[in-house]
Amino acid sequence: MINISSIEELQSEYNSIKHDIIERLNEFREIWEKGSDEDIFYELIFCLMTPQSKAELCWESVLRIKGRDISTFKDSGEILDEMRGVRFKFKKSLYIMEARGKFYRNGFYTVKSILSEYPNDWEKREWLNSEIKGIGLKEAGHFLRNIGFGKKLAILDRHILKNLRKFGVIDDVPSSMTPTKYFDIEREMILFSEKINIPLLHLDLLFWYREVGKIFK
């Protein structure tokens, strides 16, 4: 059962930071519209790092890797040197090198052209989920959000699930997440966002703000 007073508090909190949310989402969209393929690839690297790791530490690692230019790296060991504070970095460094092989060919990054082959967000997410090792439904949605897509894609990490339980959208945080379960919760989150008149991507960043006190990535 949804607590009405809690919803009113959530909407009030949303109104207080709505401008900041819109500004951040506009910045994400500009990465696709004005950024290079290389910029977009580094956003993918970030999303490969973030599972069970602090976002700020992951982004600091990405910036160090970018400063050295990952296209010049000979192996994953060079990535490891820059992944300070990132959990499961040995596995993630291999995922990053494999992703580079997918998107960097003959001296050029090809992220935009590959993703543009898929006409909608759901197909983009499915391709990323099936073709990029280390990218699940959550990470694919996160990446697409961070480059200006995913208006109807939920990013179901533990912070989002915790808040969905708090507001009665789900009964419990699942101990494991099958694709079917993910899509079921995603539908419920979309319905909830429509009911309280907060767009899905705004709701995601609002929940994150409630947990960490800032709007980041």
Protein backbone atom coordinates (compact mmCIF):
# COMPACT_ATOMS: atom_id res chain seq x y z
CA MET A 1 0.00 0.00 0.00
CA ILE A 2 1.39 3.38 -1.03
CA ASN A 3 1.58 5.94 1.76
CA ILE A 4 0.00 9.15 0.42
CA SER A 5 1.94 11.45 2.74
CA SER A 6 5.17 9.82 1.59
CA ILE A 7 4.21 10.42 -2.05
CA GLU A 8 3.48 14.05 -1.29
CA GLU A 9 6.89 14.36 0.36
CA LEU A 10 8.51 12.70 -2.66
CA GLN A 11 6.79 15.10 -5.05
CA SER A 12 7.83 18.07 -2.91
CA GLU A 13 11.43 16.88 -2.91
CA TYR A 14 11.25 16.39 -6.67
CA ASN A 15 10.00 19.93 -7.22
CA SER A 16 12.92 21.26 -5.18
CA ILE A 17 15.53 19.62 -7.43
CA LYS A 18 13.62 19.28 -10.72
CA HIS A 19 15.69 22.00 -12.39
CA ASP A 20 18.92 20.22 -11.48
CA ILE A 21 17.59 16.91 -12.82
CA ILE A 22 16.59 18.49 -16.13
CA GLU A 23 19.98 20.16 -16.40
CA ARG A 24 21.79 16.86 -15.82
CA LEU A 25 19.64 14.99 -18.36
CA ASN A 26 20.33 17.74 -20.91
CA GLU A 27 24.06 17.25 -20.29
CA PHE A 28 23.64 13.52 -20.93
CA ARG A 29 21.81 14.20 -24.20
CA GLU A 30 24.57 16.54 -25.36
CA ILE A 31 27.10 13.71 -25.08
CA TRP A 32 25.31 11.96 -27.96
CA GLU A 33 24.44 15.10 -29.91
CA LYS A 34 27.73 16.98 -29.56
CA GLY A 35 30.24 14.48 -28.17
CA SER A 36 32.55 12.21 -30.10
CA ASP A 37 32.35 8.44 -30.41
CA GLU A 38 35.30 8.33 -28.07
CA ASP A 39 33.40 10.33 -25.42
CA ILE A 40 30.51 7.89 -25.69
CA PHE A 41 32.85 4.92 -25.38
CA TYR A 42 34.23 6.27 -22.11
CA GLU A 43 30.66 6.48 -20.80
CA LEU A 44 30.37 2.77 -21.57
CA ILE A 45 33.59 2.10 -19.66
CA PHE A 46 32.09 3.92 -16.68
CA CYS A 47 28.98 1.73 -16.75
CA LEU A 48 31.13 -1.39 -16.99
CA MET A 49 32.91 -0.33 -13.79
CA THR A 50 29.97 0.73 -11.62
CA PRO A 51 28.38 -2.57 -10.49
CA GLN A 52 28.96 -2.83 -6.72
CA SER A 53 31.40 0.09 -6.84
CA LYS A 54 31.14 3.77 -5.95
CA ALA A 55 30.26 5.86 -8.97
CA GLU A 56 32.65 8.70 -8.11
CA LEU A 57 35.64 6.34 -7.85
CA CYS A 58 34.66 4.72 -11.13
CA TRP A 59 34.47 8.07 -12.92
CA GLU A 60 37.85 9.11 -11.51
CA SER A 61 39.25 5.86 -12.93
CA VAL A 62 37.66 6.58 -16.30
CA LEU A 63 39.23 10.03 -16.40
CA ARG A 64 42.67 8.58 -15.67
CA ILE A 65 42.24 6.02 -18.45
CA LYS A 66 41.00 8.70 -20.82
CA GLY A 67 43.98 10.86 -19.99
CA ARG A 68 46.27 8.07 -21.13
CA ASP A 69 44.10 7.15 -24.20
CA ILE A 70 42.81 3.58 -23.98
CA SER A 71 43.35 3.06 -27.72
CA THR A 72 47.09 2.84 -26.97
CA PHE A 73 46.77 0.19 -24.23
CA LYS A 74 48.36 -3.15 -25.03
CA ASP A 75 46.46 -5.23 -22.47
CA SER A 76 44.09 -5.11 -19.49
CA GLY A 77 46.99 -4.66 -17.08
CA GLU A 78 47.28 -1.04 -18.12
CA ILE A 79 43.63 -0.53 -17.22
CA LEU A 80 44.13 -2.14 -13.82
CA ASP A 81 46.75 0.46 -12.96
CA GLU A 82 44.08 3.16 -13.14
CA MET A 83 41.11 1.37 -11.49
CA ARG A 84 41.68 2.53 -7.94
CA GLY A 85 38.90 1.62 -5.55
CA VAL A 86 36.86 -0.23 -8.21
CA ARG A 87 35.63 -3.61 -7.02
CA PHE A 88 36.18 -6.74 -9.16
CA LYS A 89 38.60 -4.76 -11.27
CA PHE A 90 40.40 -7.78 -12.76
CA LYS A 91 37.20 -9.05 -14.37
CA LYS A 92 36.03 -5.57 -15.32
CA SER A 93 39.34 -4.68 -16.96
CA LEU A 94 38.90 -7.67 -19.26
CA TYR A 95 35.36 -6.57 -20.10
CA ILE A 96 36.66 -3.10 -20.96
CA MET A 97 39.33 -4.44 -23.31
CA GLU A 98 36.78 -6.70 -24.99
CA ALA A 99 34.43 -3.73 -25.43
CA ARG A 100 37.26 -1.75 -26.99
CA GLY A 101 37.61 -4.55 -29.52
CA LYS A 102 33.94 -4.19 -30.40
CA PHE A 103 33.91 -0.43 -30.78
CA TYR A 104 37.43 0.55 -31.85
CA ARG A 105 38.39 -0.53 -35.36
CA ASN A 106 41.11 0.73 -37.70
CA GLY A 107 41.86 3.73 -35.55
CA PHE A 108 38.24 4.87 -35.12
CA TYR A 109 35.51 4.45 -32.52
CA THR A 110 32.19 3.27 -33.97
CA VAL A 111 29.72 3.50 -31.08
CA LYS A 112 27.30 5.92 -32.74
CA SER A 113 27.08 4.04 -36.00
CA ILE A 114 26.52 0.69 -34.27
CA LEU A 115 23.85 1.94 -31.87
CA SER A 116 22.13 3.89 -34.64
CA GLU A 117 21.39 0.60 -36.39
CA TYR A 118 18.80 -0.11 -33.70
CA PRO A 119 15.67 2.07 -34.06
CA ASN A 120 14.51 2.23 -30.44
CA ASP A 121 15.80 2.14 -26.88
CA TRP A 122 14.61 -1.41 -26.22
CA GLU A 123 16.52 -2.79 -29.21
CA LYS A 124 19.61 -0.81 -28.27
CA ARG A 125 19.43 -2.22 -24.75
CA GLU A 126 18.92 -5.76 -25.98
CA TRP A 127 21.93 -5.53 -28.30
CA LEU A 128 24.16 -4.18 -25.52
CA ASN A 129 22.90 -6.83 -23.11
CA SER A 130 23.55 -9.67 -25.51
CA GLU A 131 26.74 -8.48 -27.21
CA ILE A 132 28.83 -6.61 -24.63
CA LYS A 133 30.25 -8.81 -21.88
CA GLY A 134 29.72 -7.28 -18.45
CA ILE A 135 26.68 -5.28 -19.56
CA GLY A 136 23.36 -6.55 -18.22
CA LEU A 137 19.94 -4.93 -18.49
CA LYS A 138 20.71 -2.53 -15.66
CA GLU A 139 24.11 -1.45 -17.03
CA ALA A 140 22.73 -1.13 -20.56
CA GLY A 141 19.95 1.13 -19.31
CA HIS A 142 22.45 3.14 -17.28
CA PHE A 143 24.71 3.65 -20.30
CA LEU A 144 21.82 4.63 -22.57
CA ARG A 145 20.52 7.10 -19.98
CA ASN A 146 23.99 8.65 -19.70
CA ILE A 147 24.11 9.33 -23.44
CA GLY A 148 20.59 10.74 -23.72
CA PHE A 149 18.37 7.73 -24.36
CA GLY A 150 16.23 5.43 -22.24
CA LYS A 151 13.16 7.52 -21.38
CA LYS A 152 11.21 4.33 -20.69
CA LEU A 153 14.06 2.15 -19.40
CA ALA A 154 14.44 1.50 -15.68
CA ILE A 155 17.89 1.23 -14.10
CA LEU A 156 17.13 -1.27 -11.35
CA ASP A 157 20.10 -1.10 -9.01
CA ARG A 158 19.86 -1.67 -5.25
CA HIS A 159 19.14 2.01 -4.48
CA ILE A 160 16.22 2.12 -6.90
CA LEU A 161 14.81 -1.20 -5.67
CA LYS A 162 15.08 -0.05 -2.06
CA ASN A 163 13.01 3.05 -2.84
CA LEU A 164 10.49 1.10 -4.90
CA ARG A 165 9.93 -1.12 -1.88
CA LYS A 166 9.66 1.89 0.42
CA PHE A 167 6.90 3.40 -1.70
CA GLY A 168 5.01 0.13 -2.07
CA VAL A 169 5.76 -0.42 -5.76
CA ILE A 170 7.29 -3.82 -5.00
CA ASP A 171 6.83 -6.02 -1.94
CA ASP A 172 10.46 -7.05 -1.55
CA VAL A 173 13.85 -6.44 -3.10
CA PRO A 174 14.54 -9.63 -5.09
CA SER A 175 17.61 -11.63 -4.10
CA SER A 176 18.29 -12.35 -7.78
CA MET A 177 17.09 -10.72 -10.96
CA THR A 178 16.00 -12.73 -13.99
CA PRO A 179 15.11 -10.85 -17.20
CA THR A 180 11.43 -11.64 -16.60
CA LYS A 181 11.61 -10.22 -13.07
CA TYR A 182 13.48 -7.17 -14.33
CA PHE A 183 10.84 -6.41 -16.96
CA ASP A 184 8.02 -6.93 -14.45
CA ILE A 185 9.53 -4.44 -11.99
CA GLU A 186 10.33 -2.05 -14.81
CA ARG A 187 6.67 -2.02 -15.84
CA GLU A 188 5.63 -1.35 -12.25
CA MET A 189 8.10 1.51 -11.95
CA ILE A 190 6.82 3.06 -15.20
CA LEU A 191 3.23 2.86 -13.94
CA PHE A 192 4.28 4.39 -10.63
CA SER A 193 6.09 7.27 -12.34
CA GLU A 194 3.01 7.98 -14.44
CA LYS A 195 0.72 7.83 -11.41
CA ILE A 196 2.77 10.38 -9.44
CA ASN A 197 3.55 12.49 -12.55
CA ILE A 198 7.34 12.23 -12.30
CA PRO A 199 9.03 11.07 -15.56
CA LEU A 200 10.85 7.77 -15.22
CA LEU A 201 14.38 9.15 -15.72
CA HIS A 202 13.62 11.98 -13.30
CA LEU A 203 12.41 9.45 -10.75
CA ASP A 204 15.62 7.45 -11.11
CA LEU A 205 17.79 10.49 -10.39
CA LEU A 206 15.46 11.56 -7.57
CA PHE A 207 15.84 8.18 -5.87
CA TRP A 208 19.61 8.42 -6.26
CA TYR A 209 19.54 11.90 -4.77
CA ARG A 210 17.62 10.55 -1.79
CA GLU A 211 20.31 7.95 -1.19
CA VAL A 212 23.53 9.89 -1.78
CA GLY A 213 22.55 13.56 -1.58
CA LYS A 214 23.67 14.48 -5.09
CA ILE A 215 22.78 14.06 -8.75
CA PHE A 216 25.72 12.40 -10.44
CA LYS A 217 25.86 9.82 -13.22
